[in-house]
Amino acid sequence: MAIECFVITLIFAAMVFSFAHANRIRWVLATVPLGILPLSNSVANLICTKLLGIEMSDTVALAVILFSAMASCIWIGIASCMLHTRKAKIPYIVVGFLFNIILGIILTNYYLQTA
């Protein structure tokens, strides 16, 4: 699952680069929090498997998912204040939170099924 999360992170990195290239700094700051959860899962898995030489335990995986999802949701709330119109804020918050919830459920289910 670390590879899938890494690919998701690369997609968000491409979006951030595109927004930065177009001088859309507000959207850069709004896109970055969506990559926190997949990036933290990939990095935690890489640290456990490659550096420590052990498989990531369920407790560590669930803690990483929970804390990174909370950080991402907090950042989404803060980033929504930078968007000017209500037409942009509400869908951004809803989709951002749903993305984190759905990806968190998928990752949690994956780690609990492999136990």
PDB file of N, CA and C in Angstrom:
ATOM      1  N   MET A   1       0.817  -1.185   0.000  1.00  0.00           N
ATOM      2  CA  MET A   1       0.000   0.000   0.000  1.00  0.00           C
ATOM      3  C   MET A   1       0.868   1.260   0.000  1.00  0.00           C
ATOM      4  N   ALA A   2       2.118   1.109   0.353  1.00  0.00           N
ATOM      5  CA  ALA A   2       3.012   2.265   0.367  1.00  0.00           C
ATOM      6  C   ALA A   2       3.247   2.794  -1.039  1.00  0.00           C
ATOM      7  N   ILE A   3       3.305   1.900  -2.016  1.00  0.00           N
ATOM      8  CA  ILE A   3       3.529   2.335  -3.397  1.00  0.00           C
ATOM      9  C   ILE A   3       2.331   3.111  -3.909  1.00  0.00           C
ATOM     10  N   GLU A   4       1.135   2.637  -3.601  1.00  0.00           N
ATOM     11  CA  GLU A   4      -0.073   3.346  -4.026  1.00  0.00           C
ATOM     12  C   GLU A   4      -0.131   4.744  -3.415  1.00  0.00           C
ATOM     13  N   CYS A   5       0.205   4.834  -2.149  1.00  0.00           N
ATOM     14  CA  CYS A   5       0.206   6.140  -1.483  1.00  0.00           C
ATOM     15  C   CYS A   5       1.289   7.049  -2.062  1.00  0.00           C
ATOM     16  N   PHE A   6       2.425   6.467  -2.440  1.00  0.00           N
ATOM     17  CA  PHE A   6       3.480   7.262  -3.056  1.00  0.00           C
ATOM     18  C   PHE A   6       3.019   7.820  -4.402  1.00  0.00           C
ATOM     19  N   VAL A   7       2.282   7.030  -5.167  1.00  0.00           N
ATOM     20  CA  VAL A   7       1.761   7.497  -6.453  1.00  0.00           C
ATOM     21  C   VAL A   7       0.749   8.626  -6.239  1.00  0.00           C
ATOM     22  N   ILE A   8      -0.111   8.482  -5.247  1.00  0.00           N
ATOM     23  CA  ILE A   8      -1.063   9.553  -4.921  1.00  0.00           C
ATOM     24  C   ILE A   8      -0.310  10.823  -4.555  1.00  0.00           C
ATOM     25  N   THR A   9       0.755  10.684  -3.776  1.00  0.00           N
ATOM     26  CA  THR A   9       1.568  11.833  -3.391  1.00  0.00           C
ATOM     27  C   THR A   9       2.206  12.493  -4.615  1.00  0.00           C
ATOM     28  N   LEU A  10       2.680  11.693  -5.557  1.00  0.00           N
ATOM     29  CA  LEU A  10       3.265  12.255  -6.778  1.00  0.00           C
ATOM     30  C   LEU A  10       2.227  13.013  -7.602  1.00  0.00           C
ATOM     31  N   ILE A  11       1.007  12.515  -7.640  1.00  0.00           N
ATOM     32  CA  ILE A  11      -0.051  13.219  -8.363  1.00  0.00           C
ATOM     33  C   ILE A  11      -0.321  14.577  -7.722  1.00  0.00           C
ATOM     34  N   PHE A  12      -0.400  14.600  -6.392  1.00  0.00           N
ATOM     35  CA  PHE A  12      -0.608  15.878  -5.712  1.00  0.00           C
ATOM     36  C   PHE A  12       0.599  16.794  -5.874  1.00  0.00           C
ATOM     37  N   ALA A  13       1.794  16.233  -5.911  1.00  0.00           N
ATOM     38  CA  ALA A  13       2.988  17.051  -6.128  1.00  0.00           C
ATOM     39  C   ALA A  13       2.963  17.686  -7.514  1.00  0.00           C
ATOM     40  N   ALA A  14       2.485  16.946  -8.504  1.00  0.00           N
ATOM     41  CA  ALA A  14       2.350  17.507  -9.852  1.00  0.00           C
ATOM     42  C   ALA A  14       1.322  18.642  -9.868  1.00  0.00           C
ATOM     43  N   MET A  15       0.243  18.469  -9.126  1.00  0.00           N
ATOM     44  CA  MET A  15      -0.762  19.535  -9.046  1.00  0.00           C
ATOM     45  C   MET A  15      -0.186  20.773  -8.364  1.00  0.00           C
ATOM     46  N   VAL A  16       0.560  20.568  -7.291  1.00  0.00           N
ATOM     47  CA  VAL A  16       1.181  21.690  -6.581  1.00  0.00           C
ATOM     48  C   VAL A  16       2.151  22.408  -7.506  1.00  0.00           C
ATOM     49  N   PHE A  17       2.951  21.652  -8.248  1.00  0.00           N
ATOM     50  CA  PHE A  17       3.897  22.258  -9.177  1.00  0.00           C
ATOM     51  C   PHE A  17       3.159  23.061 -10.248  1.00  0.00           C
ATOM     52  N   SER A  18       2.064  22.522 -10.764  1.00  0.00           N
ATOM     53  CA  SER A  18       1.288  23.232 -11.790  1.00  0.00           C
ATOM     54  C   SER A  18       0.705  24.528 -11.252  1.00  0.00           C
ATOM     55  N   PHE A  19       0.146  24.459 -10.052  1.00  0.00           N
ATOM     56  CA  PHE A  19      -0.404  25.674  -9.449  1.00  0.00           C
ATOM     57  C   PHE A  19       0.689  26.693  -9.149  1.00  0.00           C
ATOM     58  N   ALA A  20       1.845  26.228  -8.694  1.00  0.00           N
ATOM     59  CA  ALA A  20       2.953  27.144  -8.403  1.00  0.00           C
ATOM     60  C   ALA A  20       3.468  27.782  -9.690  1.00  0.00           C
ATOM     61  N   HIS A  21       3.529  27.017 -10.746  1.00  0.00           N
ATOM     62  CA  HIS A  21       3.990  27.537 -12.028  1.00  0.00           C
ATOM     63  C   HIS A  21       3.029  28.593 -12.574  1.00  0.00           C
ATOM     64  N   ALA A  22       1.739  28.450 -12.248  1.00  0.00           N
ATOM     65  CA  ALA A  22       0.727  29.402 -12.710  1.00  0.00           C
ATOM     66  C   ALA A  22       0.513  30.545 -11.717  1.00  0.00           C
ATOM     67  N   ASN A  23       1.377  30.647 -10.709  1.00  0.00           N
ATOM     68  CA  ASN A  23       1.280  31.676  -9.664  1.00  0.00           C
ATOM     69  C   ASN A  23      -0.061  31.663  -8.940  1.00  0.00           C
ATOM     70  N   ARG A  24      -0.589  30.480  -8.680  1.00  0.00           N
ATOM     71  CA  ARG A  24      -1.815  30.298  -7.904  1.00  0.00           C
ATOM     72  C   ARG A  24      -1.421  29.810  -6.510  1.00  0.00           C
ATOM     73  N   ILE A  25      -0.835  30.706  -5.741  1.00  0.00           N
ATOM     74  CA  ILE A  25      -0.279  30.336  -4.440  1.00  0.00           C
ATOM     75  C   ILE A  25      -1.362  29.866  -3.476  1.00  0.00           C
ATOM     76  N   ARG A  26      -2.546  30.469  -3.549  1.00  0.00           N
ATOM     77  CA  ARG A  26      -3.633  30.013  -2.672  1.00  0.00           C
ATOM     78  C   ARG A  26      -3.961  28.553  -2.923  1.00  0.00           C
ATOM     79  N   TRP A  27      -3.973  28.157  -4.191  1.00  0.00           N
ATOM     80  CA  TRP A  27      -4.299  26.774  -4.518  1.00  0.00           C
ATOM     81  C   TRP A  27      -3.138  25.839  -4.226  1.00  0.00           C
ATOM     82  N   VAL A  28      -1.926  26.357  -4.225  1.00  0.00           N
ATOM     83  CA  VAL A  28      -0.786  25.540  -3.783  1.00  0.00           C
ATOM     84  C   VAL A  28      -0.972  25.183  -2.320  1.00  0.00           C
ATOM     85  N   LEU A  29      -1.266  26.193  -1.512  1.00  0.00           N
ATOM     86  CA  LEU A  29      -1.460  25.958  -0.082  1.00  0.00           C
ATOM     87  C   LEU A  29      -2.701  25.128   0.201  1.00  0.00           C
ATOM     88  N   ALA A  30      -3.672  25.159  -0.709  1.00  0.00           N
ATOM     89  CA  ALA A  30      -4.880  24.361  -0.532  1.00  0.00           C
ATOM     90  C   ALA A  30      -4.676  22.913  -0.981  1.00  0.00           C
ATOM     91  N   THR A  31      -3.731  22.659  -1.864  1.00  0.00           N
ATOM     92  CA  THR A  31      -3.507  21.311  -2.375  1.00  0.00           C
ATOM     93  C   THR A  31      -2.539  20.522  -1.499  1.00  0.00           C
ATOM     94  N   VAL A  32      -1.615  21.179  -0.876  1.00  0.00           N
ATOM     95  CA  VAL A  32      -0.596  20.498  -0.071  1.00  0.00           C
ATOM     96  C   VAL A  32      -1.192  19.604   1.022  1.00  0.00           C
ATOM     97  N   PRO A  33      -2.225  20.038   1.768  1.00  0.00           N
ATOM     98  CA  PRO A  33      -2.708  19.168   2.843  1.00  0.00           C
ATOM     99  C   PRO A  33      -3.326  17.852   2.356  1.00  0.00           C
ATOM    100  N   LEU A  34      -3.749  17.798   1.123  1.00  0.00           N
ATOM    101  CA  LEU A  34      -4.322  16.559   0.614  1.00  0.00           C
ATOM    102  C   LEU A  34      -3.264  15.473   0.441  1.00  0.00           C
ATOM    103  N   GLY A  35      -2.019  15.863   0.352  1.00  0.00           N
ATOM    104  CA  GLY A  35      -0.946  14.891   0.205  1.00  0.00           C
ATOM    105  C   GLY A  35      -0.321  14.440   1.505  1.00  0.00           C
ATOM    106  N   ILE A  36      -0.767  14.991   2.625  1.00  0.00           N
ATOM    107  CA  ILE A  36      -0.155  14.648   3.912  1.00  0.00           C
ATOM    108  C   ILE A  36      -0.388  13.189   4.279  1.00  0.00           C
ATOM    109  N   LEU A  37      -1.614  12.724   4.186  1.00  0.00           N
ATOM    110  CA  LEU A  37      -1.934  11.348   4.583  1.00  0.00           C
ATOM    111  C   LEU A  37      -1.210  10.308   3.728  1.00  0.00           C
ATOM    112  N   PRO A  38      -1.276  10.386   2.398  1.00  0.00           N
ATOM    113  CA  PRO A  38      -0.541   9.374   1.635  1.00  0.00           C
ATOM    114  C   PRO A  38       0.978   9.474   1.794  1.00  0.00           C
ATOM    115  N   LEU A  39       1.501  10.697   1.921  1.00  0.00           N
ATOM    116  CA  LEU A  39       2.945  10.858   2.097  1.00  0.00           C
ATOM    117  C   LEU A  39       3.409  10.281   3.434  1.00  0.00           C
ATOM    118  N   SER A  40       2.681  10.566   4.502  1.00  0.00           N
ATOM    119  CA  SER A  40       3.095  10.059   5.809  1.00  0.00           C
ATOM    120  C   SER A  40       3.011   8.538   5.876  1.00  0.00           C
ATOM    121  N   ASN A  41       2.013   7.958   5.213  1.00  0.00           N
ATOM    122  CA  ASN A  41       1.926   6.500   5.182  1.00  0.00           C
ATOM    123  C   ASN A  41       3.110   5.897   4.430  1.00  0.00           C
ATOM    124  N   SER A  42       3.469   6.490   3.308  1.00  0.00           N
ATOM    125  CA  SER A  42       4.610   5.990   2.532  1.00  0.00           C
ATOM    126  C   SER A  42       5.916   6.119   3.298  1.00  0.00           C
ATOM    127  N   VAL A  43       6.109   7.272   3.926  1.00  0.00           N
ATOM    128  CA  VAL A  43       7.356   7.506   4.668  1.00  0.00           C
ATOM    129  C   VAL A  43       7.453   6.587   5.883  1.00  0.00           C
ATOM    130  N   ALA A  44       6.348   6.417   6.619  1.00  0.00           N
ATOM    131  CA  ALA A  44       6.365   5.541   7.788  1.00  0.00           C
ATOM    132  C   ALA A  44       6.641   4.094   7.378  1.00  0.00           C
ATOM    133  N   ASN A  45       6.029   3.671   6.286  1.00  0.00           N
ATOM    134  CA  ASN A  45       6.269   2.317   5.804  1.00  0.00           C
ATOM    135  C   ASN A  45       7.713   2.144   5.346  1.00  0.00           C
ATOM    136  N   LEU A  46       8.256   3.148   4.661  1.00  0.00           N
ATOM    137  CA  LEU A  46       9.642   3.091   4.206  1.00  0.00           C
ATOM    138  C   LEU A  46      10.602   3.035   5.390  1.00  0.00           C
ATOM    139  N   ILE A  47      10.355   3.840   6.401  1.00  0.00           N
ATOM    140  CA  ILE A  47      11.225   3.846   7.583  1.00  0.00           C
ATOM    141  C   ILE A  47      11.197   2.493   8.277  1.00  0.00           C
ATOM    142  N   CYS A  48      10.001   1.946   8.454  1.00  0.00           N
ATOM    143  CA  CYS A  48       9.901   0.662   9.146  1.00  0.00           C
ATOM    144  C   CYS A  48      10.539  -0.473   8.349  1.00  0.00           C
ATOM    145  N   THR A  49      10.243  -0.549   7.064  1.00  0.00           N
ATOM    146  CA  THR A  49      10.725  -1.695   6.301  1.00  0.00           C
ATOM    147  C   THR A  49      12.184  -1.573   5.876  1.00  0.00           C
ATOM    148  N   LYS A  50      12.588  -0.426   5.392  1.00  0.00           N
ATOM    149  CA  LYS A  50      13.946  -0.290   4.846  1.00  0.00           C
ATOM    150  C   LYS A  50      14.987   0.063   5.906  1.00  0.00           C
ATOM    151  N   LEU A  51      14.663   1.014   6.780  1.00  0.00           N
ATOM    152  CA  LEU A  51      15.662   1.448   7.759  1.00  0.00           C
ATOM    153  C   LEU A  51      15.707   0.555   8.993  1.00  0.00           C
ATOM    154  N   LEU A  52      14.525   0.200   9.506  1.00  0.00           N
ATOM    155  CA  LEU A  52      14.487  -0.608  10.724  1.00  0.00           C
ATOM    156  C   LEU A  52      14.465  -2.104  10.429  1.00  0.00           C
ATOM    157  N   GLY A  53      14.073  -2.468   9.230  1.00  0.00           N
ATOM    158  CA  GLY A  53      14.055  -3.870   8.841  1.00  0.00           C
ATOM    159  C   GLY A  53      12.914  -4.669   9.442  1.00  0.00           C
ATOM    160  N   ILE A  54      11.860  -4.003   9.865  1.00  0.00           N
ATOM    161  CA  ILE A  54      10.702  -4.700  10.433  1.00  0.00           C
ATOM    162  C   ILE A  54       9.445  -4.277   9.671  1.00  0.00           C
ATOM    163  N   GLU A  55       8.411  -5.085   9.792  1.00  0.00           N
ATOM    164  CA  GLU A  55       7.140  -4.726   9.186  1.00  0.00           C
ATOM    165  C   GLU A  55       6.408  -3.762  10.127  1.00  0.00           C
ATOM    166  N   MET A  56       5.763  -2.768   9.549  1.00  0.00           N
ATOM    167  CA  MET A  56       5.071  -1.765  10.354  1.00  0.00           C
ATOM    168  C   MET A  56       3.903  -2.418  11.090  1.00  0.00           C
ATOM    169  N   SER A  57       3.874  -2.231  12.407  1.00  0.00           N
ATOM    170  CA  SER A  57       2.811  -2.840  13.202  1.00  0.00           C
ATOM    171  C   SER A  57       1.492  -2.105  12.987  1.00  0.00           C
ATOM    172  N   ASP A  58       0.411  -2.767  13.355  1.00  0.00           N
ATOM    173  CA  ASP A  58      -0.911  -2.173  13.196  1.00  0.00           C
ATOM    174  C   ASP A  58      -1.060  -0.910  14.040  1.00  0.00           C
ATOM    175  N   THR A  59      -0.514  -0.922  15.226  1.00  0.00           N
ATOM    176  CA  THR A  59      -0.619   0.228  16.112  1.00  0.00           C
ATOM    177  C   THR A  59       0.091   1.439  15.526  1.00  0.00           C
ATOM    178  N   VAL A  60       1.272   1.229  15.017  1.00  0.00           N
ATOM    179  CA  VAL A  60       2.024   2.326  14.401  1.00  0.00           C
ATOM    180  C   VAL A  60       1.294   2.830  13.159  1.00  0.00           C
ATOM    181  N   ALA A  61       0.799   1.914  12.342  1.00  0.00           N
ATOM    182  CA  ALA A  61       0.087   2.300  11.123  1.00  0.00           C
ATOM    183  C   ALA A  61      -1.157   3.112  11.461  1.00  0.00           C
ATOM    184  N   LEU A  62      -1.928   2.665  12.436  1.00  0.00           N
ATOM    185  CA  LEU A  62      -3.147   3.386  12.808  1.00  0.00           C
ATOM    186  C   LEU A  62      -2.827   4.748  13.414  1.00  0.00           C
ATOM    187  N   ALA A  63      -1.741   4.840  14.182  1.00  0.00           N
ATOM    188  CA  ALA A  63      -1.339   6.129  14.751  1.00  0.00           C
ATOM    189  C   ALA A  63      -0.914   7.100  13.643  1.00  0.00           C
ATOM    190  N   VAL A  64      -0.165   6.603  12.687  1.00  0.00           N
ATOM    191  CA  VAL A  64       0.265   7.445  11.562  1.00  0.00           C
ATOM    192  C   VAL A  64      -0.946   7.929  10.779  1.00  0.00           C
ATOM    193  N   ILE A  65      -1.888   7.038  10.503  1.00  0.00           N
ATOM    194  CA  ILE A  65      -3.092   7.405   9.763  1.00  0.00           C
ATOM    195  C   ILE A  65      -3.898   8.437  10.524  1.00  0.00           C
ATOM    196  N   LEU A  66      -4.099   8.213  11.813  1.00  0.00           N
ATOM    197  CA  LEU A  66      -4.910   9.119  12.621  1.00  0.00           C
ATOM    198  C   LEU A  66      -4.283  10.506  12.722  1.00  0.00           C
ATOM    199  N   PHE A  67      -3.014  10.572  13.065  1.00  0.00           N
ATOM    200  CA  PHE A  67      -2.370  11.874  13.250  1.00  0.00           C
ATOM    201  C   PHE A  67      -2.210  12.636  11.934  1.00  0.00           C
ATOM    202  N   SER A  68      -1.891  11.927  10.869  1.00  0.00           N
ATOM    203  CA  SER A  68      -1.736  12.630   9.591  1.00  0.00           C
ATOM    204  C   SER A  68      -3.089  13.080   9.048  1.00  0.00           C
ATOM    205  N   ALA A  69      -4.144  12.305   9.265  1.00  0.00           N
ATOM    206  CA  ALA A  69      -5.483  12.735   8.834  1.00  0.00           C
ATOM    207  C   ALA A  69      -5.936  13.951   9.639  1.00  0.00           C
ATOM    208  N   MET A  70      -5.648  13.960  10.932  1.00  0.00           N
ATOM    209  CA  MET A  70      -6.005  15.130  11.755  1.00  0.00           C
ATOM    210  C   MET A  70      -5.235  16.361  11.301  1.00  0.00           C
ATOM    211  N   ALA A  71      -3.947  16.226  11.054  1.00  0.00           N
ATOM    212  CA  ALA A  71      -3.144  17.362  10.601  1.00  0.00           C
ATOM    213  C   ALA A  71      -3.643  17.875   9.253  1.00  0.00           C
ATOM    214  N   SER A  72      -3.971  16.960   8.370  1.00  0.00           N
ATOM    215  CA  SER A  72      -4.471  17.346   7.057  1.00  0.00           C
ATOM    216  C   SER A  72      -5.805  18.074   7.157  1.00  0.00           C
ATOM    217  N   CYS A  73      -6.704  17.582   7.980  1.00  0.00           N
ATOM    218  CA  CYS A  73      -8.012  18.230   8.133  1.00  0.00           C
ATOM    219  C   CYS A  73      -7.891  19.612   8.770  1.00  0.00           C
ATOM    220  N   ILE A  74      -6.998  19.756   9.724  1.00  0.00           N
ATOM    221  CA  ILE A  74      -6.769  21.076  10.329  1.00  0.00           C
ATOM    222  C   ILE A  74      -6.233  22.042   9.280  1.00  0.00           C
ATOM    223  N   TRP A  75      -5.262  21.578   8.479  1.00  0.00           N
ATOM    224  CA  TRP A  75      -4.701  22.429   7.434  1.00  0.00           C
ATOM    225  C   TRP A  75      -5.751  22.774   6.382  1.00  0.00           C
ATOM    226  N   ILE A  76      -6.627  21.834   6.058  1.00  0.00           N
ATOM    227  CA  ILE A  76      -7.700  22.117   5.103  1.00  0.00           C
ATOM    228  C   ILE A  76      -8.600  23.221   5.645  1.00  0.00           C
ATOM    229  N   GLY A  77      -8.927  23.151   6.921  1.00  0.00           N
ATOM    230  CA  GLY A  77      -9.744  24.203   7.524  1.00  0.00           C
ATOM    231  C   GLY A  77      -9.066  25.558   7.474  1.00  0.00           C
ATOM    232  N   ILE A  78      -7.787  25.598   7.738  1.00  0.00           N
ATOM    233  CA  ILE A  78      -7.046  26.857   7.696  1.00  0.00           C
ATOM    234  C   ILE A  78      -6.914  27.353   6.259  1.00  0.00           C
ATOM    235  N   ALA A  79      -6.629  26.441   5.342  1.00  0.00           N
ATOM    236  CA  ALA A  79      -6.458  26.825   3.935  1.00  0.00           C
ATOM    237  C   ALA A  79      -7.760  27.310   3.315  1.00  0.00           C
ATOM    238  N   SER A  80      -8.884  26.850   3.825  1.00  0.00           N
ATOM    239  CA  SER A  80     -10.159  27.293   3.274  1.00  0.00           C
ATOM    240  C   SER A  80     -10.397  28.773   3.537  1.00  0.00           C
ATOM    241  N   CYS A  81      -9.773  29.310   4.549  1.00  0.00           N
ATOM    242  CA  CYS A  81      -9.907  30.742   4.840  1.00  0.00           C
ATOM    243  C   CYS A  81      -9.229  31.599   3.774  1.00  0.00           C
ATOM    244  N   MET A  82      -8.281  31.026   3.054  1.00  0.00           N
ATOM    245  CA  MET A  82      -7.582  31.781   2.011  1.00  0.00           C
ATOM    246  C   MET A  82      -8.374  31.853   0.710  1.00  0.00           C
ATOM    247  N   LEU A  83      -9.368  30.986   0.563  1.00  0.00           N
ATOM    248  CA  LEU A  83     -10.197  31.016  -0.640  1.00  0.00           C
ATOM    249  C   LEU A  83     -11.233  32.116  -0.473  1.00  0.00           C
ATOM    250  N   HIS A  84     -11.439  32.894  -1.513  1.00  0.00           N
ATOM    251  CA  HIS A  84     -12.248  34.097  -1.388  1.00  0.00           C
ATOM    252  C   HIS A  84     -13.748  33.846  -1.387  1.00  0.00           C
ATOM    253  N   THR A  85     -14.233  32.996  -2.261  1.00  0.00           N
ATOM    254  CA  THR A  85     -15.675  32.856  -2.408  1.00  0.00           C
ATOM    255  C   THR A  85     -16.200  31.656  -1.640  1.00  0.00           C
ATOM    256  N   ARG A  86     -17.435  31.765  -1.229  1.00  0.00           N
ATOM    257  CA  ARG A  86     -18.084  30.664  -0.536  1.00  0.00           C
ATOM    258  C   ARG A  86     -18.282  29.479  -1.483  1.00  0.00           C
ATOM    259  N   LYS A  87     -18.419  29.779  -2.783  1.00  0.00           N
ATOM    260  CA  LYS A  87     -18.572  28.726  -3.785  1.00  0.00           C
ATOM    261  C   LYS A  87     -17.326  27.854  -3.874  1.00  0.00           C
ATOM    262  N   ALA A  88     -16.192  28.379  -3.501  1.00  0.00           N
ATOM    263  CA  ALA A  88     -14.953  27.601  -3.529  1.00  0.00           C
ATOM    264  C   ALA A  88     -14.673  26.951  -2.175  1.00  0.00           C
ATOM    265  N   LYS A  89     -15.048  27.600  -1.081  1.00  0.00           N
ATOM    266  CA  LYS A  89     -14.728  27.096   0.257  1.00  0.00           C
ATOM    267  C   LYS A  89     -15.473  25.819   0.605  1.00  0.00           C
ATOM    268  N   ILE A  90     -16.772  25.817   0.433  1.00  0.00           N
ATOM    269  CA  ILE A  90     -17.584  24.683   0.864  1.00  0.00           C
ATOM    270  C   ILE A  90     -17.209  23.392   0.123  1.00  0.00           C
ATOM    271  N   PRO A  91     -17.144  23.391  -1.214  1.00  0.00           N
ATOM    272  CA  PRO A  91     -16.738  22.145  -1.888  1.00  0.00           C
ATOM    273  C   PRO A  91     -15.316  21.709  -1.530  1.00  0.00           C
ATOM    274  N   TYR A  92     -14.418  22.678  -1.346  1.00  0.00           N
ATOM    275  CA  TYR A  92     -13.043  22.339  -0.984  1.00  0.00           C
ATOM    276  C   TYR A  92     -13.002  21.632   0.364  1.00  0.00           C
ATOM    277  N   ILE A  93     -13.704  22.163   1.342  1.00  0.00           N
ATOM    278  CA  ILE A  93     -13.711  21.547   2.674  1.00  0.00           C
ATOM    279  C   ILE A  93     -14.354  20.163   2.621  1.00  0.00           C
ATOM    280  N   VAL A  94     -15.500  20.064   1.967  1.00  0.00           N
ATOM    281  CA  VAL A  94     -16.213  18.783   1.912  1.00  0.00           C
ATOM    282  C   VAL A  94     -15.383  17.723   1.197  1.00  0.00           C
ATOM    283  N   VAL A  95     -14.859  18.051   0.026  1.00  0.00           N
ATOM    284  CA  VAL A  95     -14.077  17.075  -0.739  1.00  0.00           C
ATOM    285  C   VAL A  95     -12.771  16.740  -0.023  1.00  0.00           C
ATOM    286  N   GLY A  96     -12.123  17.728   0.572  1.00  0.00           N
ATOM    287  CA  GLY A  96     -10.886  17.474   1.303  1.00  0.00           C
ATOM    288  C   GLY A  96     -11.096  16.550   2.490  1.00  0.00           C
ATOM    289  N   PHE A  97     -12.141  16.812   3.274  1.00  0.00           N
ATOM    290  CA  PHE A  97     -12.434  15.951   4.415  1.00  0.00           C
ATOM    291  C   PHE A  97     -12.823  14.548   3.953  1.00  0.00           C
ATOM    292  N   LEU A  98     -13.658  14.458   2.920  1.00  0.00           N
ATOM    293  CA  LEU A  98     -14.061  13.146   2.411  1.00  0.00           C
ATOM    294  C   LEU A  98     -12.868  12.364   1.878  1.00  0.00           C
ATOM    295  N   PHE A  99     -11.949  13.047   1.206  1.00  0.00           N
ATOM    296  CA  PHE A  99     -10.745  12.371   0.715  1.00  0.00           C
ATOM    297  C   PHE A  99      -9.973  11.765   1.882  1.00  0.00           C
ATOM    298  N   ASN A 100      -9.764  12.542   2.938  1.00  0.00           N
ATOM    299  CA  ASN A 100      -9.024  12.035   4.093  1.00  0.00           C
ATOM    300  C   ASN A 100      -9.763  10.899   4.790  1.00  0.00           C
ATOM    301  N   ILE A 101     -11.066  11.019   4.924  1.00  0.00           N
ATOM    302  CA  ILE A 101     -11.840   9.977   5.595  1.00  0.00           C
ATOM    303  C   ILE A 101     -11.811   8.685   4.789  1.00  0.00           C
ATOM    304  N   ILE A 102     -12.067   8.794   3.490  1.00  0.00           N
ATOM    305  CA  ILE A 102     -12.100   7.587   2.658  1.00  0.00           C
ATOM    306  C   ILE A 102     -10.728   6.936   2.569  1.00  0.00           C
ATOM    307  N   LEU A 103      -9.675   7.730   2.348  1.00  0.00           N
ATOM    308  CA  LEU A 103      -8.328   7.149   2.297  1.00  0.00           C
ATOM    309  C   LEU A 103      -7.937   6.572   3.654  1.00  0.00           C
ATOM    310  N   GLY A 104      -8.305   7.229   4.735  1.00  0.00           N
ATOM    311  CA  GLY A 104      -8.031   6.703   6.075  1.00  0.00           C
ATOM    312  C   GLY A 104      -8.727   5.373   6.311  1.00  0.00           C
ATOM    313  N   ILE A 105      -9.976   5.246   5.866  1.00  0.00           N
ATOM    314  CA  ILE A 105     -10.706   3.982   6.011  1.00  0.00           C
ATOM    315  C   ILE A 105     -10.048   2.889   5.174  1.00  0.00           C
ATOM    316  N   ILE A 106      -9.660   3.229   3.953  1.00  0.00           N
ATOM    317  CA  ILE A 106      -9.004   2.242   3.088  1.00  0.00           C
ATOM    318  C   ILE A 106      -7.697   1.768   3.703  1.00  0.00           C
ATOM    319  N   LEU A 107      -6.880   2.694   4.191  1.00  0.00           N
ATOM    320  CA  LEU A 107      -5.600   2.317   4.797  1.00  0.00           C
ATOM    321  C   LEU A 107      -5.801   1.523   6.077  1.00  0.00           C
ATOM    322  N   THR A 108      -6.753   1.949   6.908  1.00  0.00           N
ATOM    323  CA  THR A 108      -7.034   1.226   8.151  1.00  0.00           C
ATOM    324  C   THR A 108      -7.489  -0.189   7.850  1.00  0.00           C
ATOM    325  N   ASN A 109      -8.392  -0.317   6.902  1.00  0.00           N
ATOM    326  CA  ASN A 109      -8.874  -1.642   6.514  1.00  0.00           C
ATOM    327  C   ASN A 109      -7.731  -2.508   5.994  1.00  0.00           C
ATOM    328  N   TYR A 110      -6.852  -1.926   5.210  1.00  0.00           N
ATOM    329  CA  TYR A 110      -5.714  -2.678   4.678  1.00  0.00           C
ATOM    330  C   TYR A 110      -4.823  -3.199   5.805  1.00  0.00           C
ATOM    331  N   TYR A 111      -4.466  -2.331   6.730  1.00  0.00           N
ATOM    332  CA  TYR A 111      -3.552  -2.759   7.799  1.00  0.00           C
ATOM    333  C   TYR A 111      -4.206  -3.732   8.767  1.00  0.00           C
ATOM    334  N   LEU A 112      -5.504  -3.597   8.977  1.00  0.00           N
ATOM    335  CA  LEU A 112      -6.177  -4.548   9.879  1.00  0.00           C
ATOM    336  C   LEU A 112      -6.419  -5.890   9.197  1.00  0.00           C
ATOM    337  N   GLN A 113      -6.558  -5.918   7.871  1.00  0.00           N
ATOM    338  CA  GLN A 113      -6.752  -7.175   7.147  1.00  0.00           C
ATOM    339  C   GLN A 113      -5.460  -7.968   7.022  1.00  0.00           C
ATOM    340  N   THR A 114      -4.317  -7.264   6.983  1.00  0.00           N
ATOM    341  CA  THR A 114      -3.041  -7.960   6.826  1.00  0.00           C
ATOM    342  C   THR A 114      -2.508  -8.495   8.144  1.00  0.00           C
ATOM    343  N   ALA A 115      -3.182  -8.179   9.222  1.00  0.00           N
ATOM    344  CA  ALA A 115      -2.709  -8.644  10.549  1.00  0.00           C
ATOM    345  C   ALA A 115      -2.952 -10.116  10.775  1.00  0.00           C
TER     346      ALA A 115
END
